[in-house]
Amino acid sequence: MAELKMPEINSVIIAGNLTKDPVFRQTNSGGTPVVNFSIACNRRFRDSNHQWQEDVCYVGVVAWNKLAESCRDNLKKSSAVLVDGELQSRTWKAQDGTSRTVVEIKARRIQFLNKRKKNGEEDEEGFIEDDTHDTHHGPVDDDGQMYEYKYLSSD
């Protein structure tokens, strides 16, 4: 009888707002760019009394290489993003000698959802220019302008 194997799927898509400015650094070995930030994702639900409630989930995100540099240049506290990536855990020793573990999203693609401003005026396209990645058109804003989404990949 053939042995059944669980599929290896590790995929996350989440949208939220940055809780603070991203932290950019370069690794000691090789100077590889890396950025860390966390987002707050709101969830609305009805409680047992059928009243609307809201819950907030805070999620850490890490991005590497060109994607890290794009995040450094385009994101700040309260920026809206959509993150496509995978869960990863890492463990390290804290200064007090205890072992710490964190689960975070390793980003593959990040979509910047805020409109950017050029010289004090809103840029209708609203996203970083990078001709090496796919462009997708999305929903229309309140002024009837179509948002243009740039998917930035860690590849």
C-alpha atoms as a PDB file:
ATOM      1  CA  MET A   1       0.000   0.000   0.000  1.00  0.00           C
ATOM      2  CA  ALA A   2       1.309   3.462  -0.911  1.00  0.00           C
ATOM      3  CA  GLU A   3       2.205   5.725   1.977  1.00  0.00           C
ATOM      4  CA  LEU A   4       0.208   8.954   2.096  1.00  0.00           C
ATOM      5  CA  LYS A   5       2.243  12.087   2.584  1.00  0.00           C
ATOM      6  CA  MET A   6       0.940  15.377   3.907  1.00  0.00           C
ATOM      7  CA  PRO A   7       1.403  18.145   1.313  1.00  0.00           C
ATOM      8  CA  GLU A   8       4.010  20.720   2.294  1.00  0.00           C
ATOM      9  CA  ILE A   9       2.093  23.976   2.062  1.00  0.00           C
ATOM     10  CA  ASN A  10       3.207  27.109   3.865  1.00  0.00           C
ATOM     11  CA  SER A  11       1.515  30.170   2.421  1.00  0.00           C
ATOM     12  CA  VAL A  12       0.189  33.353   4.031  1.00  0.00           C
ATOM     13  CA  ILE A  13      -1.590  36.371   2.570  1.00  0.00           C
ATOM     14  CA  ILE A  14      -2.416  39.175   4.964  1.00  0.00           C
ATOM     15  CA  ALA A  15      -3.241  42.879   4.734  1.00  0.00           C
ATOM     16  CA  GLY A  16      -2.736  45.472   7.435  1.00  0.00           C
ATOM     17  CA  ASN A  17      -1.057  48.684   8.514  1.00  0.00           C
ATOM     18  CA  LEU A  18       2.477  49.078   9.849  1.00  0.00           C
ATOM     19  CA  THR A  19       2.509  49.640  13.614  1.00  0.00           C
ATOM     20  CA  LYS A  20       5.788  51.613  13.436  1.00  0.00           C
ATOM     21  CA  ASP A  21       8.504  52.525  10.945  1.00  0.00           C
ATOM     22  CA  PRO A  22      10.307  49.542   9.400  1.00  0.00           C
ATOM     23  CA  VAL A  23      13.747  48.629  10.786  1.00  0.00           C
ATOM     24  CA  PHE A  24      16.328  48.258   8.007  1.00  0.00           C
ATOM     25  CA  ARG A  25      19.771  46.719   8.456  1.00  0.00           C
ATOM     26  CA  GLN A  26      22.354  44.673   6.605  1.00  0.00           C
ATOM     27  CA  THR A  27      23.682  41.309   7.706  1.00  0.00           C
ATOM     28  CA  ASN A  28      27.202  41.142   9.145  1.00  0.00           C
ATOM     29  CA  SER A  29      28.158  38.402   6.709  1.00  0.00           C
ATOM     30  CA  GLY A  30      27.849  39.759   3.189  1.00  0.00           C
ATOM     31  CA  GLY A  31      25.848  42.906   3.855  1.00  0.00           C
ATOM     32  CA  THR A  32      22.540  41.420   2.667  1.00  0.00           C
ATOM     33  CA  PRO A  33      19.691  43.965   3.097  1.00  0.00           C
ATOM     34  CA  VAL A  34      16.932  42.925   5.507  1.00  0.00           C
ATOM     35  CA  VAL A  35      13.951  44.825   6.893  1.00  0.00           C
ATOM     36  CA  ASN A  36      11.617  43.947   9.772  1.00  0.00           C
ATOM     37  CA  PHE A  37       8.238  45.471  10.540  1.00  0.00           C
ATOM     38  CA  SER A  38       4.963  44.464  12.092  1.00  0.00           C
ATOM     39  CA  ILE A  39       1.448  45.024  10.853  1.00  0.00           C
ATOM     40  CA  ALA A  40      -1.892  45.221  12.594  1.00  0.00           C
ATOM     41  CA  CYS A  41      -4.698  43.311  10.906  1.00  0.00           C
ATOM     42  CA  ASN A  42      -8.261  43.976  12.063  1.00  0.00           C
ATOM     43  CA  ARG A  43     -10.948  41.297  12.213  1.00  0.00           C
ATOM     44  CA  ARG A  44     -14.643  42.074  12.643  1.00  0.00           C
ATOM     45  CA  PHE A  45     -17.018  39.489  14.056  1.00  0.00           C
ATOM     46  CA  ARG A  46     -20.372  39.184  15.796  1.00  0.00           C
ATOM     47  CA  ASP A  47     -20.316  38.164  19.453  1.00  0.00           C
ATOM     48  CA  SER A  48     -22.830  35.904  21.183  1.00  0.00           C
ATOM     49  CA  ASN A  49     -25.199  38.919  21.547  1.00  0.00           C
ATOM     50  CA  HIS A  50     -24.982  39.564  17.777  1.00  0.00           C
ATOM     51  CA  GLN A  51     -23.089  42.802  18.353  1.00  0.00           C
ATOM     52  CA  TRP A  52     -20.185  43.702  16.077  1.00  0.00           C
ATOM     53  CA  GLN A  53     -16.798  43.430  17.753  1.00  0.00           C
ATOM     54  CA  GLU A  54     -13.303  44.060  16.466  1.00  0.00           C
ATOM     55  CA  ASP A  55     -10.123  42.170  17.243  1.00  0.00           C
ATOM     56  CA  VAL A  56      -6.589  43.115  16.214  1.00  0.00           C
ATOM     57  CA  CYS A  57      -3.864  40.644  15.268  1.00  0.00           C
ATOM     58  CA  TYR A  58      -0.251  41.862  15.245  1.00  0.00           C
ATOM     59  CA  VAL A  59       2.064  40.029  12.844  1.00  0.00           C
ATOM     60  CA  GLY A  60       5.810  40.389  12.277  1.00  0.00           C
ATOM     61  CA  VAL A  61       7.170  40.505   8.727  1.00  0.00           C
ATOM     62  CA  VAL A  62      10.728  40.118   7.418  1.00  0.00           C
ATOM     63  CA  ALA A  63      11.835  40.937   3.854  1.00  0.00           C
ATOM     64  CA  TRP A  64      15.218  40.466   2.204  1.00  0.00           C
ATOM     65  CA  ASN A  65      17.350  41.909  -0.608  1.00  0.00           C
ATOM     66  CA  LYS A  66      15.672  44.270  -3.132  1.00  0.00           C
ATOM     67  CA  LEU A  67      12.309  43.791  -1.450  1.00  0.00           C
ATOM     68  CA  ALA A  68      13.852  45.009   1.835  1.00  0.00           C
ATOM     69  CA  GLU A  69      15.252  48.088   0.105  1.00  0.00           C
ATOM     70  CA  SER A  70      11.876  48.870  -1.478  1.00  0.00           C
ATOM     71  CA  CYS A  71      10.215  48.597   1.939  1.00  0.00           C
ATOM     72  CA  ARG A  72      12.835  50.902   3.480  1.00  0.00           C
ATOM     73  CA  ASP A  73      12.237  53.493   0.754  1.00  0.00           C
ATOM     74  CA  ASN A  74       8.436  53.346   0.616  1.00  0.00           C
ATOM     75  CA  LEU A  75       6.996  52.289   3.962  1.00  0.00           C
ATOM     76  CA  LYS A  76       6.496  54.117   7.231  1.00  0.00           C
ATOM     77  CA  LYS A  77       4.281  53.855  10.289  1.00  0.00           C
ATOM     78  CA  SER A  78       0.588  53.376   9.305  1.00  0.00           C
ATOM     79  CA  SER A  79       1.394  52.408   5.669  1.00  0.00           C
ATOM     80  CA  ALA A  80      -1.114  49.889   4.303  1.00  0.00           C
ATOM     81  CA  VAL A  81       0.358  46.720   2.790  1.00  0.00           C
ATOM     82  CA  LEU A  82      -0.650  43.338   1.493  1.00  0.00           C
ATOM     83  CA  VAL A  83       1.967  40.686   2.251  1.00  0.00           C
ATOM     84  CA  ASP A  84       2.290  37.344   0.480  1.00  0.00           C
ATOM     85  CA  GLY A  85       4.779  34.995   2.086  1.00  0.00           C
ATOM     86  CA  GLU A  86       5.373  32.006   4.304  1.00  0.00           C
ATOM     87  CA  LEU A  87       5.538  31.446   8.037  1.00  0.00           C
ATOM     88  CA  GLN A  88       8.942  30.875   9.563  1.00  0.00           C
ATOM     89  CA  SER A  89      10.140  30.545  13.108  1.00  0.00           C
ATOM     90  CA  ARG A  90      13.517  31.511  14.495  1.00  0.00           C
ATOM     91  CA  THR A  91      15.132  31.079  17.887  1.00  0.00           C
ATOM     92  CA  TRP A  92      17.909  33.111  19.532  1.00  0.00           C
ATOM     93  CA  LYS A  93      19.502  33.650  22.923  1.00  0.00           C
ATOM     94  CA  ALA A  94      18.443  36.833  24.697  1.00  0.00           C
ATOM     95  CA  GLN A  95      20.918  38.936  26.693  1.00  0.00           C
ATOM     96  CA  ASP A  96      19.669  37.365  29.919  1.00  0.00           C
ATOM     97  CA  GLY A  97      20.557  33.900  28.557  1.00  0.00           C
ATOM     98  CA  THR A  98      16.998  32.728  27.929  1.00  0.00           C
ATOM     99  CA  SER A  99      15.991  31.235  24.618  1.00  0.00           C
ATOM    100  CA  ARG A 100      13.441  33.240  22.589  1.00  0.00           C
ATOM    101  CA  THR A 101      11.359  32.089  19.628  1.00  0.00           C
ATOM    102  CA  VAL A 102       9.285  34.145  17.227  1.00  0.00           C
ATOM    103  CA  VAL A 103       7.003  33.170  14.351  1.00  0.00           C
ATOM    104  CA  GLU A 104       6.877  35.724  11.542  1.00  0.00           C
ATOM    105  CA  ILE A 105       6.070  36.037   7.857  1.00  0.00           C
ATOM    106  CA  LYS A 106       8.980  35.823   5.427  1.00  0.00           C
ATOM    107  CA  ALA A 107       7.698  38.013   2.591  1.00  0.00           C
ATOM    108  CA  ARG A 108       7.802  36.845  -1.009  1.00  0.00           C
ATOM    109  CA  ARG A 109       5.806  39.797  -2.359  1.00  0.00           C
ATOM    110  CA  ILE A 110       4.576  43.019  -0.793  1.00  0.00           C
ATOM    111  CA  GLN A 111       1.932  45.227  -2.333  1.00  0.00           C
ATOM    112  CA  PHE A 112       2.003  48.855  -1.188  1.00  0.00           C
ATOM    113  CA  LEU A 113      -1.611  49.995  -0.853  1.00  0.00           C
ATOM    114  CA  ASN A 114      -1.211  53.722  -0.102  1.00  0.00           C
ATOM    115  CA  LYS A 115      -1.006  56.349  -2.791  1.00  0.00           C
ATOM    116  CA  ARG A 116       2.393  58.032  -2.880  1.00  0.00           C
ATOM    117  CA  LYS A 117       2.796  61.770  -3.176  1.00  0.00           C
ATOM    118  CA  LYS A 118       5.005  63.572  -5.684  1.00  0.00           C
ATOM    119  CA  ASN A 119       5.804  67.212  -4.886  1.00  0.00           C
ATOM    120  CA  GLY A 120       2.842  67.469  -2.519  1.00  0.00           C
ATOM    121  CA  GLU A 121       0.366  66.045  -5.047  1.00  0.00           C
ATOM    122  CA  GLU A 122      -0.964  62.522  -5.135  1.00  0.00           C
ATOM    123  CA  ASP A 123       0.503  60.221  -7.746  1.00  0.00           C
ATOM    124  CA  GLU A 124      -2.498  58.550  -9.370  1.00  0.00           C
ATOM    125  CA  GLU A 125      -0.633  55.283  -9.807  1.00  0.00           C
ATOM    126  CA  GLY A 126       0.456  55.387  -6.171  1.00  0.00           C
ATOM    127  CA  PHE A 127       3.065  52.643  -6.151  1.00  0.00           C
ATOM    128  CA  ILE A 128       6.770  52.200  -6.561  1.00  0.00           C
ATOM    129  CA  GLU A 129       8.002  52.047 -10.130  1.00  0.00           C
ATOM    130  CA  ASP A 130       9.806  48.824 -10.899  1.00  0.00           C
ATOM    131  CA  ASP A 131       9.629  47.568 -14.465  1.00  0.00           C
ATOM    132  CA  THR A 132      11.002  44.146 -13.564  1.00  0.00           C
ATOM    133  CA  HIS A 133       7.793  43.031 -11.840  1.00  0.00           C
ATOM    134  CA  ASP A 134       4.235  42.412 -12.957  1.00  0.00           C
ATOM    135  CA  THR A 135       1.678  45.200 -12.766  1.00  0.00           C
ATOM    136  CA  HIS A 136      -1.963  44.416 -11.985  1.00  0.00           C
ATOM    137  CA  HIS A 137      -4.895  46.780 -11.990  1.00  0.00           C
ATOM    138  CA  GLY A 138      -7.283  46.695  -9.079  1.00  0.00           C
ATOM    139  CA  PRO A 139     -10.306  48.470  -7.640  1.00  0.00           C
ATOM    140  CA  VAL A 140     -11.355  52.028  -8.346  1.00  0.00           C
ATOM    141  CA  ASP A 141     -10.966  54.695  -5.635  1.00  0.00           C
ATOM    142  CA  ASP A 142     -13.564  57.288  -4.542  1.00  0.00           C
ATOM    143  CA  ASP A 143     -12.540  59.651  -7.381  1.00  0.00           C
ATOM    144  CA  GLY A 144     -13.036  56.996 -10.052  1.00  0.00           C
ATOM    145  CA  GLN A 145      -9.277  56.526 -10.523  1.00  0.00           C
ATOM    146  CA  MET A 146      -8.062  52.960 -10.881  1.00  0.00           C
ATOM    147  CA  TYR A 147      -5.388  51.863  -8.421  1.00  0.00           C
ATOM    148  CA  GLU A 148      -2.321  50.268  -9.971  1.00  0.00           C
ATOM    149  CA  TYR A 149      -0.738  47.521  -7.914  1.00  0.00           C
ATOM    150  CA  LYS A 150       2.930  46.644  -8.189  1.00  0.00           C
ATOM    151  CA  TYR A 151       3.860  43.246  -6.831  1.00  0.00           C
ATOM    152  CA  LEU A 152       7.392  43.297  -5.496  1.00  0.00           C
ATOM    153  CA  SER A 153       9.030  39.941  -5.227  1.00  0.00           C
ATOM    154  CA  SER A 154      11.944  38.783  -3.096  1.00  0.00           C
ATOM    155  CA  ASP A 155      13.281  36.764  -6.059  1.00  0.00           C
END
